[in-house]
């Protein structure tokens, strides 16, 4: 998981796309899907159009913090479920329109953290 420390990054629509979906400012996070779904494929590309400082929070450290602060884990799980639901909805719209679907990971909210 990455946290934007300074500057900003752009979330692109899909891997290989140049369409900017949104900008993430200081304090925003991305990559949390990989903490909760270890075999998850990347769903979007992130780019920095300028100087940006990112802080990385690895899987082991995340789960250590999640055990100490269970609210953090619940918040990340809620965000991940919402993001995956939006991605699945965009994918189904794309299928209805006949375009290629973007692969999205599955997330099981009931899955327990590695102990």
N, C-alpha and C. Protein backbone atom coordinates (compact mmCIF):
# COMPACT_ATOMS: atom_id res chain seq x y z
N UNK A 1 0.86 -1.16 0.00
CA UNK A 1 0.00 0.00 0.00
C UNK A 1 0.90 1.22 0.00
N UNK A 2 0.49 2.24 -0.73
CA UNK A 2 1.26 3.47 -0.81
C UNK A 2 0.42 4.64 -0.31
N UNK A 3 1.09 5.57 0.35
CA UNK A 3 0.45 6.78 0.87
C UNK A 3 1.15 7.96 0.21
N UNK A 4 0.37 8.88 -0.35
CA UNK A 4 0.94 10.05 -1.00
C UNK A 4 1.39 11.03 0.09
N UNK A 5 2.70 11.29 0.13
CA UNK A 5 3.27 12.18 1.13
C UNK A 5 3.36 13.62 0.66
N UNK A 6 3.66 13.81 -0.62
CA UNK A 6 3.68 15.15 -1.20
C UNK A 6 3.42 15.02 -2.70
N UNK A 7 2.96 16.11 -3.30
CA UNK A 7 2.62 16.07 -4.72
C UNK A 7 1.28 15.38 -4.92
N UNK A 8 1.12 14.74 -6.07
CA UNK A 8 -0.10 13.99 -6.35
C UNK A 8 0.21 12.94 -7.41
N UNK A 9 -0.67 11.96 -7.49
CA UNK A 9 -0.57 10.94 -8.53
C UNK A 9 -1.91 10.88 -9.25
N UNK A 10 -1.87 10.33 -10.45
CA UNK A 10 -3.09 10.18 -11.24
C UNK A 10 -3.43 8.71 -11.37
N UNK A 11 -4.70 8.40 -11.17
CA UNK A 11 -5.20 7.04 -11.34
C UNK A 11 -5.71 6.94 -12.77
N UNK A 12 -5.11 6.02 -13.52
CA UNK A 12 -5.53 5.84 -14.91
C UNK A 12 -6.65 4.82 -14.97
N UNK A 13 -7.44 4.88 -16.01
CA UNK A 13 -8.65 4.08 -16.13
C UNK A 13 -8.41 2.58 -16.07
N UNK A 14 -7.33 2.11 -16.66
CA UNK A 14 -7.02 0.67 -16.69
C UNK A 14 -5.54 0.53 -17.03
N UNK A 15 -4.94 -0.63 -16.75
CA UNK A 15 -3.55 -0.82 -17.14
C UNK A 15 -3.35 -0.53 -18.63
N UNK A 16 -2.39 0.33 -18.92
CA UNK A 16 -2.11 0.68 -20.30
C UNK A 16 -2.91 1.85 -20.83
N UNK A 17 -3.88 2.33 -20.07
CA UNK A 17 -4.74 3.44 -20.51
C UNK A 17 -4.03 4.77 -20.25
N UNK A 18 -4.44 5.80 -20.96
CA UNK A 18 -3.94 7.15 -20.68
C UNK A 18 -5.07 8.04 -20.16
N UNK A 19 -6.25 7.48 -19.95
CA UNK A 19 -7.39 8.23 -19.44
C UNK A 19 -7.27 8.36 -17.92
N UNK A 20 -7.24 9.60 -17.43
CA UNK A 20 -7.12 9.85 -15.99
C UNK A 20 -8.49 9.76 -15.35
N UNK A 21 -8.63 8.81 -14.41
CA UNK A 21 -9.90 8.65 -13.69
C UNK A 21 -10.02 9.68 -12.58
N UNK A 22 -8.92 9.87 -11.82
CA UNK A 22 -8.93 10.88 -10.76
C UNK A 22 -7.51 11.13 -10.28
N UNK A 23 -7.35 12.19 -9.50
CA UNK A 23 -6.07 12.54 -8.89
C UNK A 23 -6.13 12.21 -7.40
N UNK A 24 -5.04 11.67 -6.90
CA UNK A 24 -4.92 11.39 -5.47
C UNK A 24 -3.95 12.39 -4.87
N UNK A 25 -4.40 13.13 -3.87
CA UNK A 25 -3.62 14.18 -3.24
C UNK A 25 -2.90 13.64 -1.99
N UNK A 26 -2.20 14.53 -1.31
CA UNK A 26 -1.47 14.19 -0.08
C UNK A 26 -2.42 13.51 0.91
N UNK A 27 -1.98 12.38 1.47
CA UNK A 27 -2.78 11.63 2.43
C UNK A 27 -3.61 10.52 1.81
N UNK A 28 -3.75 10.54 0.49
CA UNK A 28 -4.51 9.48 -0.20
C UNK A 28 -3.69 8.19 -0.24
N UNK A 29 -4.39 7.07 -0.33
CA UNK A 29 -3.71 5.77 -0.39
C UNK A 29 -4.13 5.03 -1.66
N UNK A 30 -3.25 4.14 -2.11
CA UNK A 30 -3.59 3.23 -3.20
C UNK A 30 -2.78 1.96 -3.03
N UNK A 31 -3.23 0.90 -3.67
CA UNK A 31 -2.55 -0.38 -3.58
C UNK A 31 -3.00 -1.24 -2.42
N UNK A 32 -4.04 -0.81 -1.70
CA UNK A 32 -4.49 -1.59 -0.54
C UNK A 32 -5.13 -2.90 -0.93
N UNK A 33 -5.62 -3.01 -2.17
CA UNK A 33 -6.20 -4.28 -2.62
C UNK A 33 -5.19 -5.42 -2.47
N UNK A 34 -3.93 -5.12 -2.75
CA UNK A 34 -2.91 -6.17 -2.69
C UNK A 34 -2.65 -6.65 -1.27
N UNK A 35 -2.98 -5.84 -0.27
CA UNK A 35 -2.81 -6.27 1.12
C UNK A 35 -3.88 -7.28 1.53
N UNK A 36 -5.06 -7.12 0.98
CA UNK A 36 -6.19 -7.96 1.37
C UNK A 36 -6.40 -9.14 0.43
N UNK A 37 -5.92 -9.04 -0.78
CA UNK A 37 -6.05 -10.10 -1.77
C UNK A 37 -4.67 -10.35 -2.38
N UNK A 38 -3.87 -11.21 -1.76
CA UNK A 38 -2.47 -11.37 -2.14
C UNK A 38 -2.22 -11.75 -3.59
N UNK A 39 -3.15 -12.42 -4.23
CA UNK A 39 -2.93 -12.85 -5.62
C UNK A 39 -3.71 -11.97 -6.60
N UNK A 40 -4.08 -10.79 -6.13
CA UNK A 40 -4.87 -9.86 -6.93
C UNK A 40 -4.02 -9.26 -8.04
N UNK A 41 -4.59 -9.22 -9.24
CA UNK A 41 -3.94 -8.52 -10.35
C UNK A 41 -4.18 -7.04 -10.20
N UNK A 42 -3.25 -6.28 -10.68
CA UNK A 42 -3.39 -4.83 -10.63
C UNK A 42 -4.59 -4.41 -11.47
N UNK A 43 -5.39 -3.50 -10.94
CA UNK A 43 -6.62 -3.08 -11.62
C UNK A 43 -6.47 -1.78 -12.39
N UNK A 44 -5.53 -0.94 -11.99
CA UNK A 44 -5.31 0.34 -12.65
C UNK A 44 -3.82 0.65 -12.64
N UNK A 45 -3.43 1.64 -13.42
CA UNK A 45 -2.08 2.17 -13.38
C UNK A 45 -2.11 3.50 -12.64
N UNK A 46 -1.01 3.80 -11.98
CA UNK A 46 -0.85 5.07 -11.28
C UNK A 46 0.36 5.75 -11.90
N UNK A 47 0.26 7.06 -12.11
CA UNK A 47 1.43 7.79 -12.61
C UNK A 47 1.55 9.12 -11.87
N UNK A 48 2.78 9.60 -11.83
CA UNK A 48 3.04 10.89 -11.22
C UNK A 48 3.52 11.84 -12.30
N UNK A 49 2.76 12.89 -12.58
CA UNK A 49 3.17 13.82 -13.61
C UNK A 49 4.28 14.78 -13.15
N UNK A 50 4.63 14.75 -11.88
CA UNK A 50 5.66 15.62 -11.33
C UNK A 50 6.32 14.96 -10.15
N UNK A 51 7.01 15.74 -9.35
CA UNK A 51 7.68 15.20 -8.17
C UNK A 51 6.65 14.78 -7.13
N UNK A 52 6.76 13.56 -6.65
CA UNK A 52 5.83 13.02 -5.65
C UNK A 52 6.62 12.19 -4.64
N UNK A 53 6.27 12.32 -3.39
CA UNK A 53 6.85 11.47 -2.35
C UNK A 53 5.78 10.46 -1.94
N UNK A 54 6.15 9.18 -1.99
CA UNK A 54 5.24 8.11 -1.57
C UNK A 54 5.84 7.37 -0.38
N UNK A 55 4.99 6.96 0.53
CA UNK A 55 5.39 6.10 1.63
C UNK A 55 4.80 4.73 1.38
N UNK A 56 5.62 3.69 1.55
CA UNK A 56 5.16 2.32 1.30
C UNK A 56 4.90 1.63 2.63
N UNK A 57 3.74 0.98 2.72
CA UNK A 57 3.40 0.17 3.89
C UNK A 57 3.23 -1.26 3.39
N UNK A 58 4.18 -2.12 3.74
CA UNK A 58 4.17 -3.50 3.27
C UNK A 58 3.12 -4.36 3.98
N UNK A 59 2.90 -5.55 3.43
CA UNK A 59 1.88 -6.46 3.94
C UNK A 59 2.11 -6.82 5.40
N UNK A 60 3.31 -7.19 5.77
CA UNK A 60 3.58 -7.63 7.15
C UNK A 60 3.32 -6.49 8.14
N UNK A 61 3.81 -5.31 7.83
CA UNK A 61 3.62 -4.16 8.71
C UNK A 61 2.13 -3.78 8.78
N UNK A 62 1.44 -3.84 7.64
CA UNK A 62 0.01 -3.54 7.63
C UNK A 62 -0.74 -4.45 8.59
N UNK A 63 -0.48 -5.78 8.52
CA UNK A 63 -1.22 -6.70 9.38
C UNK A 63 -0.85 -6.53 10.85
N UNK A 64 0.40 -6.13 11.12
CA UNK A 64 0.78 -5.82 12.49
C UNK A 64 -0.05 -4.64 13.00
N UNK A 65 -0.15 -3.59 12.19
CA UNK A 65 -0.95 -2.43 12.57
C UNK A 65 -2.44 -2.76 12.65
N UNK A 66 -2.91 -3.60 11.74
CA UNK A 66 -4.33 -3.98 11.73
C UNK A 66 -4.71 -4.72 13.01
N UNK A 67 -3.79 -5.53 13.54
CA UNK A 67 -4.07 -6.23 14.80
C UNK A 67 -4.10 -5.26 15.97
N UNK A 68 -3.27 -4.24 15.91
CA UNK A 68 -3.24 -3.24 16.98
C UNK A 68 -4.41 -2.26 16.87
N UNK A 69 -4.83 -1.98 15.63
CA UNK A 69 -5.90 -1.01 15.37
C UNK A 69 -6.93 -1.64 14.44
N UNK A 70 -7.84 -2.46 14.96
CA UNK A 70 -8.82 -3.16 14.12
C UNK A 70 -9.68 -2.23 13.26
N UNK A 71 -9.90 -1.00 13.71
CA UNK A 71 -10.69 -0.06 12.90
C UNK A 71 -10.01 0.25 11.57
N UNK A 72 -8.69 0.25 11.56
CA UNK A 72 -7.95 0.50 10.31
C UNK A 72 -8.25 -0.61 9.31
N UNK A 73 -8.19 -1.85 9.78
CA UNK A 73 -8.47 -2.99 8.90
C UNK A 73 -9.90 -2.90 8.35
N UNK A 74 -10.86 -2.60 9.21
CA UNK A 74 -12.26 -2.50 8.75
C UNK A 74 -12.42 -1.38 7.73
N UNK A 75 -11.77 -0.26 7.96
CA UNK A 75 -11.86 0.87 7.03
C UNK A 75 -11.29 0.49 5.67
N UNK A 76 -10.14 -0.14 5.66
CA UNK A 76 -9.50 -0.57 4.40
C UNK A 76 -10.38 -1.59 3.70
N UNK A 77 -10.96 -2.53 4.45
CA UNK A 77 -11.85 -3.53 3.84
C UNK A 77 -13.07 -2.86 3.20
N UNK A 78 -13.68 -1.90 3.88
CA UNK A 78 -14.83 -1.19 3.31
C UNK A 78 -14.46 -0.46 2.03
N UNK A 79 -13.33 0.24 2.07
CA UNK A 79 -12.88 0.97 0.87
C UNK A 79 -12.63 0.01 -0.28
N UNK A 80 -12.00 -1.12 0.03
CA UNK A 80 -11.68 -2.09 -1.02
C UNK A 80 -12.95 -2.67 -1.61
N UNK A 81 -13.93 -3.01 -0.78
CA UNK A 81 -15.20 -3.53 -1.29
C UNK A 81 -15.87 -2.52 -2.21
N UNK A 82 -15.90 -1.24 -1.79
CA UNK A 82 -16.52 -0.19 -2.62
C UNK A 82 -15.79 -0.04 -3.96
N UNK A 83 -14.47 -0.03 -3.91
CA UNK A 83 -13.70 0.13 -5.15
C UNK A 83 -13.91 -1.06 -6.09
N UNK A 84 -13.91 -2.26 -5.53
CA UNK A 84 -14.10 -3.45 -6.37
C UNK A 84 -15.51 -3.48 -6.95
N UNK A 85 -16.48 -3.04 -6.17
CA UNK A 85 -17.86 -3.00 -6.68
C UNK A 85 -17.97 -2.01 -7.83
N UNK A 86 -17.33 -0.84 -7.70
CA UNK A 86 -17.34 0.14 -8.78
C UNK A 86 -16.64 -0.41 -10.02
N UNK A 87 -15.52 -1.09 -9.82
CA UNK A 87 -14.79 -1.67 -10.95
C UNK A 87 -15.62 -2.73 -11.64
N UNK A 88 -16.30 -3.56 -10.85
CA UNK A 88 -17.15 -4.60 -11.43
C UNK A 88 -18.29 -3.96 -12.21
N UNK A 89 -18.84 -2.88 -11.69
CA UNK A 89 -19.93 -2.20 -12.39
C UNK A 89 -19.43 -1.61 -13.71
N UNK A 90 -18.25 -0.98 -13.69
CA UNK A 90 -17.68 -0.45 -14.94
C UNK A 90 -17.42 -1.57 -15.93
N UNK A 91 -16.94 -2.71 -15.40
CA UNK A 91 -16.66 -3.85 -16.28
C UNK A 91 -17.95 -4.35 -16.91
N UNK A 92 -19.05 -4.42 -16.14
CA UNK A 92 -20.31 -4.92 -16.71
C UNK A 92 -20.85 -3.92 -17.72
N UNK A 93 -20.67 -2.62 -17.50
CA UNK A 93 -21.08 -1.63 -18.49
C UNK A 93 -20.29 -1.83 -19.77
N UNK A 94 -18.98 -2.07 -19.63
CA UNK A 94 -18.14 -2.29 -20.80
C UNK A 94 -18.58 -3.52 -21.58
N UNK A 95 -18.98 -4.58 -20.88
CA UNK A 95 -19.44 -5.78 -21.55
C UNK A 95 -20.74 -5.51 -22.30
N UNK A 96 -21.63 -4.71 -21.70
CA UNK A 96 -22.89 -4.38 -22.35
C UNK A 96 -22.64 -3.57 -23.62
N UNK A 97 -21.57 -2.76 -23.59
CA UNK A 97 -21.25 -1.94 -24.76
C UNK A 97 -20.37 -2.68 -25.75
N UNK A 98 -19.93 -3.87 -25.39
CA UNK A 98 -19.13 -4.68 -26.30
C UNK A 98 -17.64 -4.40 -26.23
N UNK A 99 -17.17 -3.58 -25.29
CA UNK A 99 -15.73 -3.35 -25.18
C UNK A 99 -15.08 -4.39 -24.28
N UNK A 100 -13.76 -4.39 -24.27
CA UNK A 100 -13.03 -5.36 -23.45
C UNK A 100 -13.24 -5.05 -21.97
N UNK A 101 -13.40 -6.10 -21.19
CA UNK A 101 -13.57 -5.94 -19.75
C UNK A 101 -12.21 -5.80 -19.08
N UNK A 102 -12.18 -5.01 -18.03
CA UNK A 102 -10.96 -4.85 -17.24
C UNK A 102 -10.97 -5.90 -16.15
N UNK A 103 -9.91 -6.71 -16.00
CA UNK A 103 -9.91 -7.73 -14.94
C UNK A 103 -9.91 -7.08 -13.56
N UNK A 104 -10.71 -7.61 -12.68
CA UNK A 104 -10.83 -7.08 -11.33
C UNK A 104 -10.67 -8.23 -10.35
N UNK A 105 -10.02 -7.97 -9.22
CA UNK A 105 -9.83 -9.00 -8.21
C UNK A 105 -11.12 -9.20 -7.42
N UNK A 106 -11.20 -10.33 -6.79
CA UNK A 106 -12.31 -10.61 -5.90
C UNK A 106 -11.83 -10.43 -4.47
N UNK A 107 -12.69 -9.94 -3.61
CA UNK A 107 -12.34 -9.71 -2.21
C UNK A 107 -13.38 -10.34 -1.32
N UNK A 108 -12.93 -11.13 -0.39
CA UNK A 108 -13.83 -11.77 0.56
C UNK A 108 -13.69 -11.05 1.89
N UNK A 109 -14.70 -10.27 2.25
CA UNK A 109 -14.65 -9.48 3.48
C UNK A 109 -14.57 -10.36 4.71
N UNK A 110 -15.02 -11.60 4.61
CA UNK A 110 -15.00 -12.49 5.78
C UNK A 110 -13.63 -13.15 5.93
N UNK A 111 -12.74 -13.01 4.95
CA UNK A 111 -11.43 -13.65 5.03
C UNK A 111 -10.67 -13.06 6.20
N UNK A 112 -10.01 -13.91 6.93
CA UNK A 112 -9.26 -13.42 8.09
C UNK A 112 -7.85 -13.03 7.69
N UNK A 113 -7.29 -12.18 8.48
CA UNK A 113 -5.93 -11.72 8.23
C UNK A 113 -4.94 -12.85 8.49
N UNK A 114 -3.79 -12.85 7.80
CA UNK A 114 -2.77 -13.84 8.10
C UNK A 114 -2.30 -13.67 9.53
N UNK A 115 -2.15 -14.74 10.21
CA UNK A 115 -1.72 -14.67 11.63
C UNK A 115 -0.30 -15.18 11.77
